[in-house]
Protein backbone atom coordinates (compact mmCIF):
# COMPACT_ATOMS: atom_id res chain seq x y z
CA UNK A 1 126.87 123.51 90.03
CA UNK A 2 129.42 125.84 91.59
CA UNK A 3 129.02 128.26 94.89
CA UNK A 4 130.20 131.00 96.75
CA UNK A 5 129.23 131.78 99.60
CA UNK A 6 129.87 135.21 100.51
CA UNK A 7 129.12 136.94 103.94
CA UNK A 8 125.73 138.07 102.91
CA UNK A 9 125.08 136.35 99.71
CA UNK A 10 125.64 133.00 97.71
CA UNK A 11 126.10 132.71 94.13
CA UNK A 12 125.23 129.48 93.13
CA UNK A 13 125.36 128.44 89.17
CA UNK A 14 123.82 125.60 87.12
CA UNK A 15 124.31 124.25 83.35
CA UNK A 16 121.20 126.14 83.78
CA UNK A 17 120.60 129.19 85.44
CA UNK A 18 122.24 131.50 87.83
CA UNK A 19 121.37 132.74 91.27
CA UNK A 20 122.45 135.64 94.02
CA UNK A 21 120.71 134.85 96.80
CA UNK A 22 120.32 136.61 100.37
CA UNK A 23 122.10 134.13 102.32
CA UNK A 24 123.01 134.70 106.49
CA UNK A 25 125.02 131.79 108.30
CA UNK A 26 124.90 131.04 112.25
CA UNK A 27 127.60 128.34 112.64
CA UNK A 28 126.63 125.35 110.49
CA UNK A 29 123.68 126.82 109.53
CA UNK A 30 122.76 128.58 106.57
CA UNK A 31 119.61 130.16 105.93
CA UNK A 32 118.70 131.73 101.81
CA UNK A 33 116.34 134.34 101.13
CA UNK A 34 115.00 133.27 97.61
CA UNK A 35 112.42 135.86 95.81
CA UNK A 36 113.17 134.77 92.20
CA UNK A 37 111.48 132.15 90.36
CA UNK A 38 113.31 128.77 90.26
CA UNK A 39 113.30 127.38 86.62
CA UNK A 40 114.29 123.17 88.19
CA UNK A 41 113.47 123.35 91.48
CA UNK A 42 114.91 119.58 92.19
CA UNK A 43 118.19 120.39 90.05
CA UNK A 44 118.65 123.54 91.74
CA UNK A 45 117.83 122.22 95.65
CA UNK A 46 120.12 118.71 95.57
CA UNK A 47 122.95 120.30 93.43
CA UNK A 48 122.32 123.02 96.23
CA UNK A 49 122.77 120.23 99.82
CA UNK A 50 125.84 119.14 97.93
CA UNK A 51 127.51 121.59 98.36
CA UNK A 52 126.59 122.56 101.73
CA UNK A 53 127.49 119.17 102.32
CA UNK A 54 131.01 119.46 101.33
CA UNK A 55 131.15 122.81 103.48
CA UNK A 56 130.16 121.59 106.20
CA UNK A 57 126.68 122.37 107.03
CA UNK A 58 124.99 120.89 109.22
CA UNK A 59 121.10 122.31 108.12
CA UNK A 60 119.58 124.25 105.31
CA UNK A 61 116.99 126.67 106.30
CA UNK A 62 115.06 128.05 102.62
CA UNK A 63 112.53 131.69 103.12
CA UNK A 64 110.41 131.29 100.03
CA UNK A 65 108.48 133.95 98.53
CA UNK A 66 104.59 132.48 98.12
CA UNK A 67 104.63 133.88 94.80
CA UNK A 68 107.08 131.79 94.09
CA UNK A 69 104.77 128.84 93.57
CA UNK A 70 106.94 125.70 91.30
CA UNK A 71 109.48 126.30 94.08
CA UNK A 72 106.75 125.95 97.05
CA UNK A 73 104.55 123.12 95.50
CA UNK A 74 107.77 121.28 95.33
CA UNK A 75 109.31 121.70 98.50
CA UNK A 76 105.88 120.88 100.19
CA UNK A 77 105.95 117.49 98.67
CA UNK A 78 109.59 116.87 99.31
CA UNK A 79 111.21 115.81 102.38
CA UNK A 80 111.50 119.57 103.60
CA UNK A 81 109.99 120.84 106.72
CA UNK A 82 107.40 123.68 107.12
CA UNK A 83 109.03 125.66 109.88
CA UNK A 84 107.18 128.68 110.06
CA UNK A 85 104.85 130.89 107.56
CA UNK A 86 103.56 134.39 107.04
CA UNK A 87 101.60 136.15 105.01
CA UNK A 88 104.24 136.56 102.66
CA UNK A 89 106.60 134.34 102.60
CA UNK A 90 107.06 130.03 104.11
CA UNK A 91 110.16 128.37 105.83
CA UNK A 92 111.55 125.43 104.67
CA UNK A 93 114.18 123.57 107.09
CA UNK A 94 115.91 120.33 106.12
CA UNK A 95 119.41 118.77 108.17
CA UNK A 96 122.11 118.33 105.53
CA UNK A 97 122.98 114.52 105.35
CA UNK A 98 127.22 114.84 105.98
CA UNK A 99 127.38 110.77 104.99
CA UNK A 100 129.80 110.52 101.83
CA UNK A 101 129.52 107.10 100.19
CA UNK A 102 131.20 105.27 97.89
CA UNK A 103 130.38 101.80 96.39
CA UNK A 104 133.70 99.63 95.19
CA UNK A 105 132.69 96.54 92.86
CA UNK A 106 134.85 94.07 93.83
CA UNK A 107 134.27 91.31 91.05
CA UNK A 108 131.73 91.19 88.59
CA UNK A 109 131.75 87.35 88.26
CA UNK A 110 128.06 86.29 90.80
CA UNK A 111 127.50 83.00 92.10
CA UNK A 112 123.78 83.46 90.80
CA UNK A 113 121.86 84.45 87.83
CA UNK A 114 118.86 86.61 88.82
CA UNK A 115 116.58 87.12 85.46
CA UNK A 116 116.67 90.72 87.23
CA UNK A 117 120.67 91.89 87.48
CA UNK A 118 121.11 95.01 86.46
CA UNK A 119 124.70 93.72 86.61
CA UNK A 120 125.51 97.29 87.58
CA UNK A 121 126.00 98.59 84.46
CA UNK A 122 128.73 95.70 83.42
CA UNK A 123 127.91 93.05 81.36
CA UNK A 124 128.83 90.12 83.44
CA UNK A 125 129.26 87.67 80.46
CA UNK A 126 132.48 89.72 79.94
CA UNK A 127 135.96 88.54 81.69
CA UNK A 128 138.01 91.38 82.80
CA UNK A 129 140.85 92.17 84.18
CA UNK A 130 140.62 94.05 87.88
CA UNK A 131 143.49 96.26 89.67
CA UNK A 132 145.73 94.99 92.22
CA UNK A 133 144.90 95.54 96.07
CA UNK A 134 147.94 98.15 96.44
CA UNK A 135 145.82 100.40 94.20
CA UNK A 136 142.92 99.48 95.75
CA UNK A 137 144.95 100.13 99.15
CA UNK A 138 146.08 103.68 97.26
CA UNK A 139 142.14 104.70 96.63
CA UNK A 140 141.28 103.66 100.25
CA UNK A 141 143.78 106.92 101.69
CA UNK A 142 142.55 109.03 99.33
CA UNK A 143 139.29 108.59 100.62
CA UNK A 144 140.28 108.59 103.79
CA UNK A 145 141.61 111.54 103.08
CA UNK A 146 138.65 113.31 101.55
CA UNK A 147 136.77 111.99 104.01
CA UNK A 148 134.23 109.46 102.74
CA UNK A 149 133.26 107.93 105.78
CA UNK A 150 130.81 104.66 103.63
CA UNK A 151 131.81 102.18 101.50
CA UNK A 152 129.76 99.69 100.09
CA UNK A 153 131.74 96.35 98.95
CA UNK A 154 129.17 94.59 96.33
CA UNK A 155 130.49 92.61 92.76
CA UNK A 156 128.97 91.21 91.17
CA UNK A 157 129.19 89.11 94.54
CA UNK A 158 132.19 90.27 96.81
CA UNK A 159 132.07 87.18 98.56
CA UNK A 160 133.92 85.75 96.02
CA UNK A 161 136.52 87.87 96.77
CA UNK A 162 136.48 87.13 100.11
CA UNK A 163 140.76 87.58 100.63
CA UNK A 164 140.16 90.45 98.87
CA UNK A 165 137.61 92.03 100.93
CA UNK A 166 139.18 91.39 104.25
CA UNK A 167 142.44 92.73 103.36
CA UNK A 168 141.07 95.56 103.14
CA UNK A 169 139.21 96.12 105.76
CA UNK A 170 142.11 94.88 107.39
CA UNK A 171 143.84 97.92 105.45
CA UNK A 172 141.28 100.48 106.64
CA UNK A 173 142.10 99.29 110.22
CA UNK A 174 145.60 99.77 110.34
CA UNK A 175 145.14 102.92 108.80
CA UNK A 176 142.37 104.51 110.89
CA UNK A 177 140.00 104.85 108.58
CA UNK A 178 137.04 103.96 109.62
CA UNK A 179 134.20 104.28 107.29
CA UNK A 180 130.38 102.93 107.87
CA UNK A 181 130.76 99.56 105.71
CA UNK A 182 127.62 97.78 104.11
CA UNK A 183 128.73 94.77 102.08
CA UNK A 184 125.86 93.71 99.85
CA UNK A 185 125.36 90.09 99.55
CA UNK A 186 123.34 87.32 98.43
CA UNK A 187 124.56 85.49 102.21
CA UNK A 188 125.06 82.12 99.80
CA UNK A 189 129.11 81.87 100.30
CA UNK A 190 128.51 83.61 104.66
CA UNK A 191 130.52 81.16 106.46
CA UNK A 192 132.20 80.51 110.43
CA UNK A 193 135.72 81.77 109.72
CA UNK A 194 134.56 85.24 107.53
CA UNK A 195 132.28 86.14 109.81
CA UNK A 196 135.05 86.43 112.62
CA UNK A 197 136.81 87.56 110.18
CA UNK A 198 135.06 90.60 110.15
CA UNK A 199 134.42 91.18 113.27
CA UNK A 200 138.16 92.30 113.85
CA UNK A 201 137.22 95.17 112.20
CA UNK A 202 136.19 97.91 114.42
CA UNK A 203 134.46 100.38 112.77
CA UNK A 204 130.45 100.27 111.78
CA UNK A 205 129.36 97.31 109.68
CA UNK A 206 126.77 95.85 108.06
CA UNK A 207 125.17 93.39 105.11
CA UNK A 208 122.04 93.19 102.83
CA UNK A 209 121.83 90.97 101.83
CA UNK A 210 119.40 89.71 98.53
CA UNK A 211 116.99 87.21 99.45
CA UNK A 212 113.59 87.85 97.26
CA UNK A 213 111.56 84.84 98.43
CA UNK A 214 111.40 83.17 101.26
CA UNK A 215 109.24 80.19 99.58
CA UNK A 216 112.77 77.88 99.04
CA UNK A 217 110.88 77.25 94.93
CA UNK A 218 110.16 80.94 94.30
CA UNK A 219 113.49 81.63 95.96
CA UNK A 220 115.88 79.16 93.42
CA UNK A 221 113.26 80.21 90.22
CA UNK A 222 114.32 83.89 90.99
CA UNK A 223 118.37 83.62 92.07
CA UNK A 224 118.97 80.59 89.25
CA UNK A 225 122.17 79.17 91.17
CA UNK A 226 125.16 78.22 88.78
CA UNK A 227 125.38 75.52 90.49
CA UNK A 228 122.37 74.37 90.29
CA UNK A 229 121.89 73.39 94.22
CA UNK A 230 118.54 73.69 95.21
CA UNK A 231 119.05 73.69 98.86
CA UNK A 232 120.71 77.09 98.58
CA UNK A 233 117.98 78.59 99.99
CA UNK A 234 117.99 76.62 103.28
CA UNK A 235 122.36 77.36 103.29
CA UNK A 236 121.24 80.85 103.23
CA UNK A 237 118.45 80.77 105.87
CA UNK A 238 121.36 79.08 108.05
CA UNK A 239 123.98 81.21 107.36
CA UNK A 240 121.46 84.30 108.25
CA UNK A 241 120.96 82.56 111.56
CA UNK A 242 124.82 82.81 111.97
CA UNK A 243 125.07 86.38 111.46
CA UNK A 244 122.20 86.65 113.90
CA UNK A 245 124.42 84.75 116.54
CA UNK A 246 127.08 87.02 116.07
CA UNK A 247 124.87 90.15 116.61
CA UNK A 248 126.26 91.55 112.86
CA UNK A 249 123.92 94.46 111.70
CA UNK A 250 121.99 92.76 108.68
CA UNK A 251 119.58 94.43 106.43
CA UNK A 252 116.99 91.88 103.70
CA UNK A 253 116.51 93.25 99.74
CA UNK A 254 113.70 92.04 98.18
CA UNK A 255 112.98 93.38 94.54
CA UNK A 256 108.54 92.99 94.12
CA UNK A 257 107.91 90.47 91.72
CA UNK A 258 103.80 89.87 90.93
CA UNK A 259 102.57 86.30 92.04
CA UNK A 260 106.37 85.89 93.42
CA UNK A 261 106.83 87.60 96.20
CA UNK A 262 103.50 90.11 96.91
CA UNK A 263 101.02 88.87 97.89
CA UNK A 264 100.29 90.63 101.57
CA UNK A 265 99.77 86.32 103.01
CA UNK A 266 103.91 86.61 101.54
CA UNK A 267 104.63 89.91 102.47
CA UNK A 268 104.09 89.86 105.77
CA UNK A 269 105.44 86.03 106.13
CA UNK A 270 108.67 87.99 104.90
CA UNK A 271 108.12 90.65 107.65
CA UNK A 272 107.87 88.08 110.07
CA UNK A 273 111.42 86.03 108.85
CA UNK A 274 112.97 89.15 109.65
CA UNK A 275 112.03 88.91 112.78
CA UNK A 276 113.38 84.83 113.24
CA UNK A 277 116.80 85.47 111.69
CA UNK A 278 117.47 88.98 113.32
CA UNK A 279 117.18 91.47 110.45
CA UNK A 280 117.24 94.69 111.47
CA UNK A 281 115.14 95.68 108.48
CA UNK A 282 113.59 94.66 105.40
CA UNK A 283 113.82 96.67 101.76
CA UNK A 284 111.73 96.71 99.00
CA UNK A 285 112.76 97.43 95.79
CA UNK A 286 110.92 97.77 92.39
CA UNK A 287 111.19 95.60 89.47
CA UNK A 288 113.51 97.68 87.04
CA UNK A 289 111.93 97.35 83.40
CA UNK A 290 114.99 98.06 80.96
CA UNK A 291 114.18 97.11 76.88
CA UNK A 292 116.30 93.97 77.65
CA UNK A 293 114.00 93.54 80.25
CA UNK A 294 110.40 94.58 78.73
CA UNK A 295 109.35 90.64 78.78
CA UNK A 296 109.39 91.11 82.28
CA UNK A 297 106.45 94.17 82.82
CA UNK A 298 103.82 91.63 84.32
CA UNK A 299 106.10 91.06 86.54
CA UNK A 300 106.37 94.41 88.07
CA UNK A 301 104.89 95.36 91.22
CA UNK A 302 104.87 99.07 92.36
CA UNK A 303 105.92 100.26 95.37
CA UNK A 304 102.63 102.42 95.61
CA UNK A 305 101.11 98.65 95.53
CA UNK A 306 102.47 97.79 99.27
CA UNK A 307 102.07 100.46 101.04
CA UNK A 308 98.20 100.07 100.16
CA UNK A 309 97.79 96.64 100.74
CA UNK A 310 99.93 97.15 103.75
CA UNK A 311 98.08 99.60 104.95
CA UNK A 312 97.95 100.49 109.39
CA UNK A 313 100.01 98.30 109.47
CA UNK A 314 102.94 100.17 108.50
CA UNK A 315 103.24 103.82 109.99
CA UNK A 316 106.01 106.43 108.09
CA UNK A 317 109.19 106.85 110.31
CA UNK A 318 111.46 108.74 108.18
CA UNK A 319 111.65 110.35 103.73
CA UNK A 320 114.49 111.16 101.46
CA UNK A 321 114.29 111.62 98.07
CA UNK A 322 114.82 107.97 97.26
CA UNK A 323 113.14 106.60 100.08
CA UNK A 324 111.12 105.49 102.36
CA UNK A 325 111.31 104.73 105.85
CA UNK A 326 108.31 102.74 108.27
CA UNK A 327 107.72 100.84 110.87
CA UNK A 328 105.84 97.85 110.47
CA UNK A 329 103.64 97.50 113.78
CA UNK A 330 102.71 94.04 114.33
CA UNK A 331 106.78 93.38 115.12
CA UNK A 332 108.34 96.51 114.74
CA UNK A 333 110.36 96.00 111.68
CA UNK A 334 112.23 98.59 109.87
CA UNK A 335 110.61 99.12 106.28
CA UNK A 336 112.67 100.73 103.30
CA UNK A 337 110.57 100.60 100.33
CA UNK A 338 112.99 102.19 97.73
CA UNK A 339 112.75 103.32 93.75
CA UNK A 340 115.89 103.42 91.45
CA UNK A 341 116.80 106.86 91.06
CA UNK A 342 116.28 105.79 86.97
CA UNK A 343 112.74 105.69 88.33
CA UNK A 344 112.09 109.55 88.18
CA UNK A 345 114.27 110.40 85.60
CA UNK A 346 117.83 111.72 84.87
CA UNK A 347 116.63 114.60 87.01
CA UNK A 348 117.16 113.30 90.35
CA UNK A 349 120.44 111.43 89.52
CA UNK A 350 122.43 113.43 91.90
CA UNK A 351 119.69 112.53 94.86
CA UNK A 352 121.63 109.88 97.26
CA UNK A 353 123.44 109.06 94.30
CA UNK A 354 126.56 107.06 95.55
CA UNK A 355 129.91 106.64 93.28
CA UNK A 356 130.49 103.58 91.89
CA UNK A 357 133.80 101.91 90.84
CA UNK A 358 134.67 98.46 89.36
CA UNK A 359 137.10 96.13 89.95
CA UNK A 360 139.25 97.36 86.96
CA UNK A 361 138.71 101.24 88.87
CA UNK A 362 136.61 102.68 86.31
CA UNK A 363 133.99 104.72 87.53
CA UNK A 364 130.57 105.16 85.53
CA UNK A 365 128.53 108.28 86.18
CA UNK A 366 125.81 106.51 85.19
CA UNK A 367 125.71 102.41 84.79
CA UNK A 368 123.71 101.65 82.29
CA UNK A 369 125.92 103.76 79.63
CA UNK A 370 128.99 102.27 79.41
CA UNK A 371 130.22 105.28 77.20
CA UNK A 372 130.59 107.17 79.68
CA UNK A 373 133.42 105.40 81.44
CA UNK A 374 135.90 107.57 83.97
CA UNK A 375 138.59 105.59 85.25
CA UNK A 376 139.88 106.14 88.30
CA UNK A 377 143.14 106.41 89.93
CA UNK A 378 144.25 107.36 93.29
CA UNK A 379 145.41 111.47 92.22
CA UNK A 380 143.18 112.12 90.04
CA UNK A 381 139.84 111.13 92.02
CA UNK A 382 138.14 114.58 93.22
CA UNK A 383 139.21 115.53 89.27
CA UNK A 384 137.50 111.75 87.83
CA UNK A 385 134.40 113.01 90.27
CA UNK A 386 133.70 116.49 88.57
CA UNK A 387 134.25 114.84 85.28
CA UNK A 388 131.46 112.59 86.14
CA UNK A 389 129.41 115.69 87.58
CA UNK A 390 129.69 117.52 83.83
CA UNK A 391 128.43 113.51 82.25
CA UNK A 392 125.37 113.95 84.77
CA UNK A 393 124.12 117.82 84.36
CA UNK A 394 124.65 116.62 80.52
CA UNK A 395 121.88 114.06 81.45
CA UNK A 396 120.00 115.72 83.31
CA UNK A 397 119.90 118.63 80.52
CA UNK A 398 119.03 116.13 77.72
CA UNK A 399 116.74 113.74 79.57
CA UNK A 400 115.05 115.91 82.70
CA UNK A 401 112.25 113.45 84.48
CA UNK A 402 112.55 110.76 81.55
CA UNK A 403 115.23 108.22 81.26
CA UNK A 404 117.32 106.44 78.29
CA UNK A 405 117.15 103.07 79.63
CA UNK A 406 114.22 102.47 81.87
CA UNK A 407 110.54 101.95 80.79
CA UNK A 408 108.54 104.37 82.93
CA UNK A 409 105.45 104.03 83.76
CA UNK A 410 102.85 106.24 82.22
CA UNK A 411 101.23 109.80 84.15
CA UNK A 412 97.72 111.11 83.67
CA UNK A 413 97.74 114.47 82.49
CA UNK A 414 94.92 116.89 82.91
CA UNK A 415 94.42 117.54 79.17
CA UNK A 416 95.39 115.91 75.77
CA UNK A 417 94.86 115.81 71.90
CA UNK A 418 95.79 112.52 70.46
CA UNK A 419 95.29 111.88 66.72
CA UNK A 420 93.67 107.78 65.76
CA UNK A 421 94.63 105.46 64.25
CA UNK A 422 93.66 101.62 62.94
CA UNK A 423 96.70 99.69 62.14
CA UNK A 424 96.91 96.76 59.91
CA UNK A 425 100.43 95.85 60.86
CA UNK A 426 101.50 94.25 64.21
CA UNK A 427 103.18 95.06 67.02
CA UNK A 428 106.99 93.88 66.04
CA UNK A 429 106.56 95.59 62.39
CA UNK A 430 105.22 99.06 64.01
CA UNK A 431 108.02 99.10 66.46
CA UNK A 432 110.53 98.37 63.81
CA UNK A 433 109.15 101.40 62.01
CA UNK A 434 108.66 103.95 64.43
CA UNK A 435 111.47 103.46 65.36
CA UNK A 436 113.67 104.37 62.58
CA UNK A 437 111.55 107.97 62.71
CA UNK A 438 114.09 107.98 65.87
CA UNK A 439 111.49 107.21 68.10
CA UNK A 440 112.82 104.82 71.34
CA UNK A 441 110.30 102.88 73.71
CA UNK A 442 109.38 104.39 76.76
CA UNK A 443 106.96 103.46 78.98
CA UNK A 444 104.62 100.00 78.59
CA UNK A 445 102.09 99.12 80.06
CA UNK A 446 99.44 97.10 80.67
CA UNK A 447 96.18 97.34 82.09
CA UNK A 448 92.25 96.84 82.58
CA UNK A 449 89.61 99.09 81.86
CA UNK A 450 85.42 98.62 83.87
CA UNK A 451 83.57 101.45 81.70
CA UNK A 452 80.68 102.16 83.94
CA UNK A 453 77.35 103.24 81.59
CA UNK A 454 74.18 104.37 81.86
CA UNK A 455 72.73 104.19 78.38
CA UNK A 456 72.71 101.09 75.90
CA UNK A 457 77.21 100.74 74.90
CA UNK A 458 75.82 100.32 71.11
CA UNK A 459 74.42 103.90 71.46
CA UNK A 460 77.05 105.54 74.23
CA UNK A 461 79.11 108.15 72.19
CA UNK A 462 81.95 108.24 75.49
CA UNK A 463 81.92 111.79 75.82
CA UNK A 464 82.12 111.71 79.49
CA UNK A 465 83.47 108.52 80.75
CA UNK A 466 83.47 107.05 83.87
CA UNK A 467 85.79 104.12 84.53
CA UNK A 468 88.25 102.01 86.71
CA UNK A 469 91.78 101.36 85.31
CA UNK A 470 94.05 98.89 86.84
CA UNK A 471 97.67 98.69 85.58
CA UNK A 472 99.17 95.15 85.64
CA UNK A 473 101.64 95.83 88.55
CA UNK A 474 98.84 97.16 91.04
CA UNK A 475 96.39 95.89 93.27
CA UNK A 476 94.03 98.61 93.31
CA UNK A 477 91.82 100.35 91.01
CA UNK A 478 91.88 104.34 89.76
CA UNK A 479 89.26 106.03 89.37
CA UNK A 480 89.46 108.14 86.26
CA UNK A 481 87.04 110.31 84.78
CA UNK A 482 86.97 112.47 81.50
CA UNK A 483 85.01 114.26 78.92
CA UNK A 484 86.56 112.79 75.41
CA UNK A 485 85.63 114.64 72.14
CA UNK A 486 85.99 113.24 68.74
CA UNK A 487 86.73 115.03 65.46
CA UNK A 488 86.05 112.84 62.82
CA UNK A 489 87.71 115.39 60.27
CA UNK A 490 91.04 114.89 61.58
CA UNK A 491 91.02 111.64 63.92
CA UNK A 492 91.47 113.58 66.34
CA UNK A 493 90.96 113.12 70.09
CA UNK A 494 90.24 115.65 72.78
CA UNK A 495 90.29 114.21 76.30
CA UNK A 496 89.80 116.68 79.94
CA UNK A 497 89.90 114.95 82.94
CA UNK A 498 87.31 115.93 85.72
CA UNK A 499 88.58 114.82 88.35
CA UNK A 500 92.12 113.63 90.19
CA UNK A 501 92.69 110.31 89.63
CA UNK A 502 91.88 108.12 93.03
CA UNK A 503 92.86 105.14 94.62
CA UNK A 504 89.83 102.63 94.51
CA UNK A 505 90.84 99.44 96.70
CA UNK A 506 87.33 97.85 97.17
CA UNK A 507 85.76 97.39 93.13
CA UNK A 508 83.08 95.80 94.63
CA UNK A 509 82.12 97.82 96.79
CA UNK A 510 82.44 101.01 94.54
CA UNK A 511 80.00 98.47 91.93
CA UNK A 512 77.21 98.68 94.48
CA UNK A 513 78.01 102.30 95.04
CA UNK A 514 77.88 103.04 90.99
CA UNK A 515 74.56 100.91 90.53
CA UNK A 516 73.07 103.09 92.88
CA UNK A 517 73.69 105.84 90.37
CA UNK A 518 72.57 103.69 87.91
CA UNK A 519 75.43 102.99 86.41
CA UNK A 520 77.53 99.06 85.67
CA UNK A 521 80.24 98.17 84.16
CA UNK A 522 79.25 96.85 80.76
CA UNK A 523 82.22 97.17 78.95
CA UNK A 524 85.41 95.71 80.17
CA UNK A 525 88.54 96.25 77.61
CA UNK A 526 92.09 94.99 78.48
CA UNK A 527 95.23 97.17 76.52
CA UNK A 528 98.84 97.04 76.24
CA UNK A 529 100.79 100.17 75.62
CA UNK A 530 103.89 100.71 74.31
CA UNK A 531 104.67 104.08 74.45
CA UNK A 532 107.61 105.42 72.64
CA UNK A 533 109.09 108.99 72.65
CA UNK A 534 111.65 111.91 70.72
CA UNK A 535 111.59 115.10 71.72
CA UNK A 536 108.10 115.98 72.83
CA UNK A 537 106.86 113.58 70.58
CA UNK A 538 105.08 110.06 71.63
CA UNK A 539 103.78 107.64 69.74
CA UNK A 540 101.56 105.18 71.51
CA UNK A 541 101.14 101.43 70.00
CA UNK A 542 97.49 100.21 71.67
CA UNK A 543 96.62 97.14 71.57
CA UNK A 544 93.67 95.31 72.53
CA UNK A 545 94.13 92.38 73.60
CA UNK A 546 90.35 91.05 73.21
CA UNK A 547 89.91 91.85 70.00
CA UNK A 548 93.14 91.97 68.74
CA UNK A 549 92.66 95.23 67.02
CA UNK A 550 96.25 97.49 67.02
CA UNK A 551 95.55 101.21 67.36
CA UNK A 552 98.29 104.19 67.17
CA UNK A 553 98.03 107.61 69.03
CA UNK A 554 99.95 110.47 68.09
CA UNK A 555 100.87 113.69 69.23
CA UNK A 556 100.67 114.73 65.47
CA UNK A 557 99.01 113.50 62.42
CA UNK A 558 100.38 111.36 60.58
CA UNK A 559 100.29 110.18 56.88
CA UNK A 560 100.11 106.28 55.39
CA UNK A 561 103.34 106.99 53.57
CA UNK A 562 105.12 107.83 56.52
CA UNK A 563 104.25 104.42 58.38
CA UNK A 564 103.28 101.50 57.70
CA UNK A 565 100.00 100.98 56.05
CA UNK A 566 96.63 102.31 58.81
CA UNK A 567 92.94 103.62 58.21
CA UNK A 568 91.83 106.19 59.65
CA UNK A 569 89.57 104.63 62.91
């Protein structure tokens, strides 16, 4: 995206559209008057904010014509605040963050083998060389010049390279470059000598310690230490107390894992534990389900479910595109709920995205697609970052709200038409065949449906359906009310959703309500869905886990010649 700020107007151009918008500049505040529709509100706003950040603006004000419903609807549900409104326009405001961040991976090596590790886009089993400390120091000087004011040291496990890390901190101090430094670590290698050394850094310093469980046995099963140290949790626990003793700020990170750390009793214990060891906050992250990790789908537990389970115990204090910040009322602990950018598709990638640089000085615009590697030197930093932006814009254009690497959750639409078939093939056979035609796995769901019926199920035509649906990654249920129409001639099903899906926390109370209305959950189905996409087409493999029957749902009619043998349902 390019931006030209003129005295009375602003010209913006992206890969998709170009705008000329009236503007008003007051010191570090810019006001934009937007009348015309915006094709891609998210891409427009995040790239706008980024450019305004680079030009030093501190506040953005948007005056939007109410007729511009697409943009207004997006802003209402975004991190922008409504400051004013009249019959014709609504005014939204937002502070522009001046934090420019970069992530430096010091090593691919790690003393742990967490099963869900995305490895920062690198294969941990591949041995690579690394650049000299001098080359990294040259890069640090360039970062100083480019006014990067936040650096995260990561890995692998960055404390494997303690000496190098301390040398970089000393170099920055000696060159009067004092960005906020974050060290992402599993905490196992923290010791008194290291703490005393890092304390010499005069800038703001904090640790992000990945813990995942406060139960020793569960912790070991998650992190799988290389040396099979069954005392690993206690070592980390004592190291956290050392950080507390030395008044070093740190936050605890937990990837949510169903049945391992997601029960409300375990969550409360985590928050009490965080206070005990002196953490200033706790960050919860969703498990990233890629095709590589699709066998761990049953361990996915959503942030929404966690928020529901905490209920009135938390209160919202801040929100960004990727992260919601709450305060846990019983002990005043800060809680962050953060989704990986990929979870919301490529269109979200510019949001709050740091630049990731490997020990080989390679920059991966997309950490999950290694083919787009760009080599970094201190002389070509700015040029390389612009190349990376072009790569991301290409992904946005191609994938939009989808992702090339993640298996997403399915979304309920207001209406849909599908063609339904029953297959005699296995799920594996169908997947193999579908992929021959260019389809890729996009979403995976396992859920239980409770159908509420008034009539005898054997006579019920399923035209009007009331059901509670529970995903394996949720603790709550969703009420779904729809009308369905079957066409026996072409085997199509037309579904019209009569209400927005409503969250139901207490099924027993819901059952009582439905009983008063003379309904009961007479039919229960357990399902596994594998949703494959190609462009705007989708084919879903549906396995009924109770009967073992396998169905195919398609947006277009299928023929037997195209796929493994099946017959119309």
